[in-house]
Amino acid sequence: MLNALTLVTGVAALLLAAWCGWAASRDQPTKDWHFIGMAVVSLLAVAQLVIGIVQLARGEKPEQGTTIFVAYLLGAFACVPAAGFMSLAERTRWGSVTVAAGGVVLAVLEVRLYDIWGG
């Protein structure tokens, strides 16, 4: 796994969480700019998914098992888009809270992916 990509994805997810948490504290729903931020974080997660699958295809193995690694990769990939869709359904401050929580979850998943790979 690329440690730099894992770090950048985790930091970007935390920045998104802080940004949406700030919007929630100001009683604002998610706005177009938040969705652009979600897209950037999601693209980082897609890049990580692709790189992880390529490394597995080349024969590299995570320390804690391939199945759990792929499950965490897929969870990290789906985390922020799922929160974004849920925030569309809830157009109040709670939509922003949902995206903030999704960003924190993604950051935690990044730490776990690092551990699973053997970092």
C-alpha atoms as a PDB file:
ATOM      1  CA  MET A   1       0.000   0.000   0.000  1.00  0.00           C
ATOM      2  CA  LEU A   2       1.124   3.518  -0.596  1.00  0.00           C
ATOM      3  CA  ASN A   3       1.594   5.081   2.808  1.00  0.00           C
ATOM      4  CA  ALA A   4       1.524   8.603   1.365  1.00  0.00           C
ATOM      5  CA  LEU A   5      -1.854   8.019  -0.291  1.00  0.00           C
ATOM      6  CA  THR A   6      -3.256   6.546   2.912  1.00  0.00           C
ATOM      7  CA  LEU A   7      -2.058   9.577   4.863  1.00  0.00           C
ATOM      8  CA  VAL A   8      -3.391  12.078   2.317  1.00  0.00           C
ATOM      9  CA  THR A   9      -6.767  10.337   2.168  1.00  0.00           C
ATOM     10  CA  GLY A  10      -7.061  10.270   5.959  1.00  0.00           C
ATOM     11  CA  VAL A  11      -6.102  13.935   6.331  1.00  0.00           C
ATOM     12  CA  ALA A  12      -8.480  14.962   3.522  1.00  0.00           C
ATOM     13  CA  ALA A  13     -11.276  13.005   5.205  1.00  0.00           C
ATOM     14  CA  LEU A  14     -10.614  14.775   8.515  1.00  0.00           C
ATOM     15  CA  LEU A  15     -10.568  18.162   6.787  1.00  0.00           C
ATOM     16  CA  LEU A  16     -13.911  17.341   5.166  1.00  0.00           C
ATOM     17  CA  ALA A  17     -15.264  16.276   8.549  1.00  0.00           C
ATOM     18  CA  ALA A  18     -14.120  19.527  10.155  1.00  0.00           C
ATOM     19  CA  TRP A  19     -15.571  21.594   7.308  1.00  0.00           C
ATOM     20  CA  CYS A  20     -18.956  19.883   7.458  1.00  0.00           C
ATOM     21  CA  GLY A  21     -18.875  19.970  11.251  1.00  0.00           C
ATOM     22  CA  TRP A  22     -18.342  23.731  11.035  1.00  0.00           C
ATOM     23  CA  ALA A  23     -21.348  23.999   8.697  1.00  0.00           C
ATOM     24  CA  ALA A  24     -23.432  21.946  11.113  1.00  0.00           C
ATOM     25  CA  SER A  25     -22.432  24.162  14.024  1.00  0.00           C
ATOM     26  CA  ARG A  26     -23.678  27.135  11.995  1.00  0.00           C
ATOM     27  CA  ASP A  27     -26.989  25.301  11.345  1.00  0.00           C
ATOM     28  CA  GLN A  28     -26.306  24.852   7.620  1.00  0.00           C
ATOM     29  CA  PRO A  29     -27.009  21.869   5.361  1.00  0.00           C
ATOM     30  CA  THR A  30     -24.450  20.495   2.941  1.00  0.00           C
ATOM     31  CA  LYS A  31     -23.944  22.788  -0.018  1.00  0.00           C
ATOM     32  CA  ASP A  32     -22.408  22.442  -3.464  1.00  0.00           C
ATOM     33  CA  TRP A  33     -18.928  23.191  -2.142  1.00  0.00           C
ATOM     34  CA  HIS A  34     -19.243  20.370   0.348  1.00  0.00           C
ATOM     35  CA  PHE A  35     -20.132  17.983  -2.454  1.00  0.00           C
ATOM     36  CA  ILE A  36     -17.019  19.071  -4.352  1.00  0.00           C
ATOM     37  CA  GLY A  37     -14.997  18.263  -1.232  1.00  0.00           C
ATOM     38  CA  MET A  38     -16.727  14.898  -0.983  1.00  0.00           C
ATOM     39  CA  ALA A  39     -15.849  14.224  -4.633  1.00  0.00           C
ATOM     40  CA  VAL A  40     -12.166  14.970  -3.992  1.00  0.00           C
ATOM     41  CA  VAL A  41     -12.059  12.670  -0.971  1.00  0.00           C
ATOM     42  CA  SER A  42     -13.951   9.988  -2.915  1.00  0.00           C
ATOM     43  CA  LEU A  43     -11.449  10.202  -5.785  1.00  0.00           C
ATOM     44  CA  LEU A  44      -8.634   9.624  -3.308  1.00  0.00           C
ATOM     45  CA  ALA A  45     -10.496   6.565  -2.004  1.00  0.00           C
ATOM     46  CA  VAL A  46     -10.993   5.293  -5.576  1.00  0.00           C
ATOM     47  CA  ALA A  47      -7.267   5.699  -6.255  1.00  0.00           C
ATOM     48  CA  GLN A  48      -6.520   3.755  -3.094  1.00  0.00           C
ATOM     49  CA  LEU A  49      -8.969   1.016  -4.103  1.00  0.00           C
ATOM     50  CA  VAL A  50      -7.375   0.665  -7.536  1.00  0.00           C
ATOM     51  CA  ILE A  51      -3.831   0.644  -6.155  1.00  0.00           C
ATOM     52  CA  GLY A  52      -4.786  -1.897  -3.498  1.00  0.00           C
ATOM     53  CA  ILE A  53      -6.339  -4.234  -6.061  1.00  0.00           C
ATOM     54  CA  VAL A  54      -3.347  -3.868  -8.383  1.00  0.00           C
ATOM     55  CA  GLN A  55      -0.963  -4.714  -5.557  1.00  0.00           C
ATOM     56  CA  LEU A  56      -3.027  -7.774  -4.683  1.00  0.00           C
ATOM     57  CA  ALA A  57      -3.041  -8.814  -8.339  1.00  0.00           C
ATOM     58  CA  ARG A  58       0.767  -8.525  -8.432  1.00  0.00           C
ATOM     59  CA  GLY A  59       0.977 -11.042  -5.612  1.00  0.00           C
ATOM     60  CA  GLU A  60       1.625  -8.742  -2.662  1.00  0.00           C
ATOM     61  CA  LYS A  61      -0.181  -9.802   0.477  1.00  0.00           C
ATOM     62  CA  PRO A  62      -1.392  -7.816   3.483  1.00  0.00           C
ATOM     63  CA  GLU A  63      -0.181  -9.069   6.856  1.00  0.00           C
ATOM     64  CA  GLN A  64      -3.652  -9.594   8.323  1.00  0.00           C
ATOM     65  CA  GLY A  65      -5.316 -11.295   5.370  1.00  0.00           C
ATOM     66  CA  THR A  66      -6.599 -10.464   1.924  1.00  0.00           C
ATOM     67  CA  THR A  67     -10.297 -10.804   2.690  1.00  0.00           C
ATOM     68  CA  ILE A  68     -10.326  -8.283   5.511  1.00  0.00           C
ATOM     69  CA  PHE A  69      -8.117  -5.933   3.493  1.00  0.00           C
ATOM     70  CA  VAL A  70     -10.509  -5.971   0.529  1.00  0.00           C
ATOM     71  CA  ALA A  71     -13.479  -5.496   2.858  1.00  0.00           C
ATOM     72  CA  TYR A  72     -11.875  -2.409   4.400  1.00  0.00           C
ATOM     73  CA  LEU A  73     -10.923  -1.088   0.954  1.00  0.00           C
ATOM     74  CA  LEU A  74     -14.522  -1.384  -0.217  1.00  0.00           C
ATOM     75  CA  GLY A  75     -15.803   0.202   2.991  1.00  0.00           C
ATOM     76  CA  ALA A  76     -13.398   3.110   2.606  1.00  0.00           C
ATOM     77  CA  PHE A  77     -14.481   3.522  -0.998  1.00  0.00           C
ATOM     78  CA  ALA A  78     -18.191   3.619  -0.110  1.00  0.00           C
ATOM     79  CA  CYS A  79     -18.060   5.608   3.134  1.00  0.00           C
ATOM     80  CA  VAL A  80     -18.115   9.228   1.924  1.00  0.00           C
ATOM     81  CA  PRO A  81     -20.456   8.709  -1.080  1.00  0.00           C
ATOM     82  CA  ALA A  82     -22.951   6.966   1.200  1.00  0.00           C
ATOM     83  CA  ALA A  83     -22.801   9.855   3.662  1.00  0.00           C
ATOM     84  CA  GLY A  84     -23.232  12.302   0.777  1.00  0.00           C
ATOM     85  CA  PHE A  85     -26.367  10.568  -0.472  1.00  0.00           C
ATOM     86  CA  MET A  86     -27.752  10.479   3.038  1.00  0.00           C
ATOM     87  CA  SER A  87     -27.095  14.209   3.395  1.00  0.00           C
ATOM     88  CA  LEU A  88     -29.151  14.813   0.251  1.00  0.00           C
ATOM     89  CA  ALA A  89     -32.089  13.161   1.941  1.00  0.00           C
ATOM     90  CA  GLU A  90     -31.656  15.300   5.059  1.00  0.00           C
ATOM     91  CA  ARG A  91     -31.342  18.909   3.932  1.00  0.00           C
ATOM     92  CA  THR A  92     -30.854  20.300   7.433  1.00  0.00           C
ATOM     93  CA  ARG A  93     -27.812  20.643   9.646  1.00  0.00           C
ATOM     94  CA  TRP A  94     -28.045  16.900  10.269  1.00  0.00           C
ATOM     95  CA  GLY A  95     -27.002  16.290   6.679  1.00  0.00           C
ATOM     96  CA  SER A  96     -23.766  18.130   7.444  1.00  0.00           C
ATOM     97  CA  VAL A  97     -23.365  16.099  10.630  1.00  0.00           C
ATOM     98  CA  THR A  98     -23.781  12.906   8.589  1.00  0.00           C
ATOM     99  CA  VAL A  99     -21.008  13.899   6.184  1.00  0.00           C
ATOM    100  CA  ALA A 100     -18.772  14.933   9.080  1.00  0.00           C
ATOM    101  CA  ALA A 101     -19.295  11.526  10.660  1.00  0.00           C
ATOM    102  CA  GLY A 102     -18.545   9.855   7.329  1.00  0.00           C
ATOM    103  CA  GLY A 103     -15.257  11.745   7.121  1.00  0.00           C
ATOM    104  CA  VAL A 104     -14.244  10.631  10.606  1.00  0.00           C
ATOM    105  CA  VAL A 105     -15.178   7.034   9.797  1.00  0.00           C
ATOM    106  CA  LEU A 106     -13.078   7.169   6.621  1.00  0.00           C
ATOM    107  CA  ALA A 107     -10.089   8.481   8.564  1.00  0.00           C
ATOM    108  CA  VAL A 108     -10.413   5.610  11.036  1.00  0.00           C
ATOM    109  CA  LEU A 109     -10.704   3.130   8.157  1.00  0.00           C
ATOM    110  CA  GLU A 110      -7.485   4.555   6.699  1.00  0.00           C
ATOM    111  CA  VAL A 111      -5.633   3.896   9.954  1.00  0.00           C
ATOM    112  CA  ARG A 112      -7.003   0.367   9.987  1.00  0.00           C
ATOM    113  CA  LEU A 113      -6.009  -0.223   6.344  1.00  0.00           C
ATOM    114  CA  TYR A 114      -2.487   0.861   7.219  1.00  0.00           C
ATOM    115  CA  ASP A 115      -2.436  -1.640  10.090  1.00  0.00           C
ATOM    116  CA  ILE A 116      -3.893  -4.471   8.004  1.00  0.00           C
ATOM    117  CA  TRP A 117      -1.329  -3.995   5.246  1.00  0.00           C
ATOM    118  CA  GLY A 118       1.483  -4.189   7.769  1.00  0.00           C
ATOM    119  CA  GLY A 119       2.410  -0.585   8.379  1.00  0.00           C
END
